[in-house]
């Protein structure tokens, strides 16, 4: 199942970098595992979303290909 990073952060696809950062900080503070009531899995999901959406090139690839894009940026190897 594909994860919608925009939905994870609660922002719109047209959101600015500042809006994304603000949403990330709010959610990271709320779900941080060291806080009472924190959720480690949700925190990891929020971090993954922010890592993609805060990087212009990753965000562009995500917008084009969805969450299935290769974040490592490597190409296909040859069949040998």
N, C-alpha and C. Protein backbone atom coordinates (compact mmCIF):
# COMPACT_ATOMS: atom_id res chain seq x y z
N UNK A 1 0.84 -1.18 0.00
CA UNK A 1 0.00 0.00 0.00
C UNK A 1 0.89 1.24 0.00
N UNK A 2 0.63 2.13 -0.91
CA UNK A 2 1.43 3.35 -1.04
C UNK A 2 1.05 4.36 0.04
N UNK A 3 2.05 5.03 0.55
CA UNK A 3 1.84 6.04 1.58
C UNK A 3 1.79 7.41 0.91
N UNK A 4 0.79 8.20 1.27
CA UNK A 4 0.68 9.56 0.76
C UNK A 4 1.37 10.48 1.76
N UNK A 5 2.58 10.91 1.41
CA UNK A 5 3.37 11.73 2.33
C UNK A 5 2.71 13.06 2.64
N UNK A 6 1.98 13.61 1.68
CA UNK A 6 1.27 14.86 1.94
C UNK A 6 0.19 14.65 3.01
N UNK A 7 -0.50 13.52 2.92
CA UNK A 7 -1.54 13.21 3.90
C UNK A 7 -0.92 12.95 5.27
N UNK A 8 0.24 12.29 5.30
CA UNK A 8 0.93 12.00 6.56
C UNK A 8 1.21 13.30 7.32
N UNK A 9 1.67 14.32 6.58
CA UNK A 9 1.99 15.60 7.22
C UNK A 9 0.79 16.53 7.32
N UNK A 10 -0.32 16.15 6.68
CA UNK A 10 -1.52 16.98 6.73
C UNK A 10 -1.39 18.27 5.96
N UNK A 11 -0.65 18.21 4.84
CA UNK A 11 -0.47 19.40 4.01
C UNK A 11 -0.99 19.13 2.60
N UNK A 12 -1.16 20.20 1.85
CA UNK A 12 -1.63 20.13 0.47
C UNK A 12 -0.44 19.93 -0.47
N UNK A 13 -0.70 19.41 -1.64
CA UNK A 13 0.37 19.18 -2.62
C UNK A 13 1.03 20.49 -3.05
N UNK A 14 0.31 21.59 -2.93
CA UNK A 14 0.84 22.90 -3.32
C UNK A 14 1.46 23.65 -2.15
N UNK A 15 1.66 22.99 -1.04
CA UNK A 15 2.20 23.64 0.16
C UNK A 15 3.64 24.11 -0.06
N UNK A 16 3.96 25.22 0.59
CA UNK A 16 5.32 25.76 0.51
C UNK A 16 6.25 24.96 1.41
N UNK A 17 7.54 25.17 1.24
CA UNK A 17 8.54 24.52 2.09
C UNK A 17 8.32 24.87 3.56
N UNK A 18 7.97 26.13 3.82
CA UNK A 18 7.74 26.56 5.20
C UNK A 18 6.52 25.87 5.81
N UNK A 19 5.46 25.70 5.02
CA UNK A 19 4.26 25.02 5.52
C UNK A 19 4.56 23.56 5.83
N UNK A 20 5.35 22.92 4.99
CA UNK A 20 5.73 21.52 5.21
C UNK A 20 6.58 21.40 6.47
N UNK A 21 7.54 22.31 6.62
CA UNK A 21 8.41 22.29 7.80
C UNK A 21 7.60 22.51 9.08
N UNK A 22 6.67 23.44 9.04
CA UNK A 22 5.84 23.75 10.21
C UNK A 22 4.98 22.54 10.59
N UNK A 23 4.38 21.90 9.60
CA UNK A 23 3.55 20.71 9.85
C UNK A 23 4.40 19.58 10.41
N UNK A 24 5.60 19.40 9.84
CA UNK A 24 6.50 18.35 10.33
C UNK A 24 6.86 18.57 11.80
N UNK A 25 7.25 19.77 12.13
CA UNK A 25 7.67 20.07 13.51
C UNK A 25 6.54 19.83 14.50
N UNK A 26 5.34 20.25 14.12
CA UNK A 26 4.18 20.07 14.99
C UNK A 26 3.91 18.58 15.23
N UNK A 27 3.92 17.78 14.15
CA UNK A 27 3.64 16.35 14.29
C UNK A 27 4.79 15.61 14.97
N UNK A 28 6.03 15.99 14.65
CA UNK A 28 7.18 15.33 15.28
C UNK A 28 7.16 15.57 16.79
N UNK A 29 6.81 16.76 17.19
CA UNK A 29 6.71 17.07 18.62
C UNK A 29 5.61 16.24 19.27
N UNK A 30 4.49 16.12 18.59
CA UNK A 30 3.34 15.39 19.14
C UNK A 30 3.60 13.89 19.27
N UNK A 31 4.26 13.29 18.27
CA UNK A 31 4.42 11.84 18.23
C UNK A 31 5.81 11.34 18.61
N UNK A 32 6.68 12.22 19.10
CA UNK A 32 8.03 11.81 19.45
C UNK A 32 7.98 10.67 20.47
N UNK A 33 8.74 9.59 20.23
CA UNK A 33 8.67 8.42 21.11
C UNK A 33 9.13 8.69 22.55
N UNK A 34 9.92 9.71 22.78
CA UNK A 34 10.38 10.02 24.13
C UNK A 34 9.33 10.77 24.95
N UNK A 35 8.28 11.22 24.29
CA UNK A 35 7.22 11.94 24.99
C UNK A 35 6.15 10.96 25.46
N UNK A 36 5.47 11.31 26.51
CA UNK A 36 4.35 10.51 26.99
C UNK A 36 3.27 10.48 25.90
N UNK A 37 2.83 9.30 25.55
CA UNK A 37 1.83 9.17 24.50
C UNK A 37 2.42 9.20 23.11
N UNK A 38 3.75 9.15 23.00
CA UNK A 38 4.41 9.16 21.70
C UNK A 38 4.19 7.86 20.96
N UNK A 39 4.41 7.88 19.66
CA UNK A 39 4.20 6.72 18.80
C UNK A 39 5.39 6.59 17.86
N UNK A 40 6.26 5.62 18.13
CA UNK A 40 7.50 5.46 17.36
C UNK A 40 7.24 5.20 15.89
N UNK A 41 6.26 4.36 15.57
CA UNK A 41 5.97 4.04 14.17
C UNK A 41 5.45 5.26 13.42
N UNK A 42 4.55 6.00 14.04
CA UNK A 42 4.01 7.22 13.43
C UNK A 42 5.13 8.24 13.25
N UNK A 43 6.02 8.33 14.23
CA UNK A 43 7.14 9.25 14.17
C UNK A 43 8.05 8.92 12.98
N UNK A 44 8.31 7.62 12.76
CA UNK A 44 9.12 7.20 11.61
C UNK A 44 8.45 7.56 10.30
N UNK A 45 7.14 7.39 10.24
CA UNK A 45 6.38 7.72 9.03
C UNK A 45 6.45 9.22 8.75
N UNK A 46 6.32 10.02 9.79
CA UNK A 46 6.40 11.48 9.67
C UNK A 46 7.79 11.90 9.19
N UNK A 47 8.83 11.29 9.75
CA UNK A 47 10.20 11.59 9.33
C UNK A 47 10.43 11.22 7.87
N UNK A 48 9.93 10.05 7.46
CA UNK A 48 10.10 9.61 6.07
C UNK A 48 9.42 10.60 5.13
N UNK A 49 8.23 11.04 5.49
CA UNK A 49 7.50 12.00 4.67
C UNK A 49 8.27 13.31 4.56
N UNK A 50 8.80 13.77 5.68
CA UNK A 50 9.54 15.04 5.67
C UNK A 50 10.84 14.92 4.88
N UNK A 51 11.52 13.79 4.98
CA UNK A 51 12.77 13.60 4.25
C UNK A 51 12.55 13.73 2.74
N UNK A 52 11.42 13.27 2.26
CA UNK A 52 11.12 13.36 0.83
C UNK A 52 10.61 14.75 0.47
N UNK A 53 9.64 15.25 1.20
CA UNK A 53 8.99 16.50 0.82
C UNK A 53 9.84 17.74 1.08
N UNK A 54 10.84 17.64 1.94
CA UNK A 54 11.70 18.80 2.22
C UNK A 54 12.85 18.92 1.23
N UNK A 55 13.09 17.89 0.44
CA UNK A 55 14.16 17.89 -0.56
C UNK A 55 13.52 18.12 -1.93
N UNK A 56 13.91 19.20 -2.60
CA UNK A 56 13.27 19.58 -3.87
C UNK A 56 13.32 18.48 -4.92
N UNK A 57 14.46 17.84 -5.09
CA UNK A 57 14.55 16.81 -6.13
C UNK A 57 13.76 15.55 -5.76
N UNK A 58 13.81 15.16 -4.48
CA UNK A 58 13.03 13.99 -4.04
C UNK A 58 11.54 14.28 -4.15
N UNK A 59 11.16 15.50 -3.80
CA UNK A 59 9.74 15.87 -3.87
C UNK A 59 9.26 15.84 -5.32
N UNK A 60 10.09 16.33 -6.22
CA UNK A 60 9.72 16.32 -7.64
C UNK A 60 9.54 14.88 -8.13
N UNK A 61 10.45 13.99 -7.75
CA UNK A 61 10.33 12.58 -8.13
C UNK A 61 9.11 11.94 -7.50
N UNK A 62 8.85 12.27 -6.25
CA UNK A 62 7.68 11.73 -5.55
C UNK A 62 6.40 12.19 -6.24
N UNK A 63 6.34 13.46 -6.61
CA UNK A 63 5.16 13.99 -7.29
C UNK A 63 4.95 13.30 -8.64
N UNK A 64 6.04 12.96 -9.29
CA UNK A 64 5.95 12.33 -10.61
C UNK A 64 5.65 10.83 -10.52
N UNK A 65 6.31 10.12 -9.61
CA UNK A 65 6.22 8.66 -9.58
C UNK A 65 5.48 8.10 -8.37
N UNK A 66 5.15 8.93 -7.38
CA UNK A 66 4.51 8.43 -6.17
C UNK A 66 5.53 7.86 -5.21
N UNK A 67 5.07 7.16 -4.20
CA UNK A 67 5.97 6.67 -3.15
C UNK A 67 6.82 5.49 -3.60
N UNK A 68 6.64 5.02 -4.82
CA UNK A 68 7.42 3.89 -5.32
C UNK A 68 8.74 4.31 -5.97
N UNK A 69 9.04 5.62 -6.00
CA UNK A 69 10.29 6.06 -6.61
C UNK A 69 11.47 5.58 -5.78
N UNK A 70 12.61 5.40 -6.44
CA UNK A 70 13.81 4.89 -5.77
C UNK A 70 14.53 6.06 -5.11
N UNK A 71 14.49 6.13 -3.78
CA UNK A 71 15.09 7.25 -3.05
C UNK A 71 16.61 7.22 -3.08
N UNK A 72 17.20 6.08 -3.41
CA UNK A 72 18.66 5.99 -3.44
C UNK A 72 19.22 6.61 -4.71
N UNK A 73 18.39 6.73 -5.74
CA UNK A 73 18.82 7.37 -6.96
C UNK A 73 19.67 6.51 -7.87
N UNK A 74 19.87 5.26 -7.53
CA UNK A 74 20.67 4.37 -8.36
C UNK A 74 19.89 3.86 -9.55
N UNK A 75 20.60 3.44 -10.57
CA UNK A 75 19.96 2.89 -11.76
C UNK A 75 19.89 1.38 -11.68
N UNK A 76 19.34 0.80 -12.70
CA UNK A 76 19.24 -0.65 -12.79
C UNK A 76 20.59 -1.23 -13.19
N UNK A 77 20.95 -2.34 -12.60
CA UNK A 77 22.18 -3.04 -12.98
C UNK A 77 21.95 -3.83 -14.26
N UNK A 78 23.01 -4.26 -14.88
CA UNK A 78 22.84 -5.06 -16.09
C UNK A 78 22.64 -6.52 -15.72
N UNK A 79 22.01 -7.26 -16.61
CA UNK A 79 21.59 -8.63 -16.34
C UNK A 79 22.70 -9.65 -16.23
N UNK A 80 23.88 -9.36 -16.72
CA UNK A 80 25.04 -10.21 -16.57
C UNK A 80 25.02 -11.51 -17.18
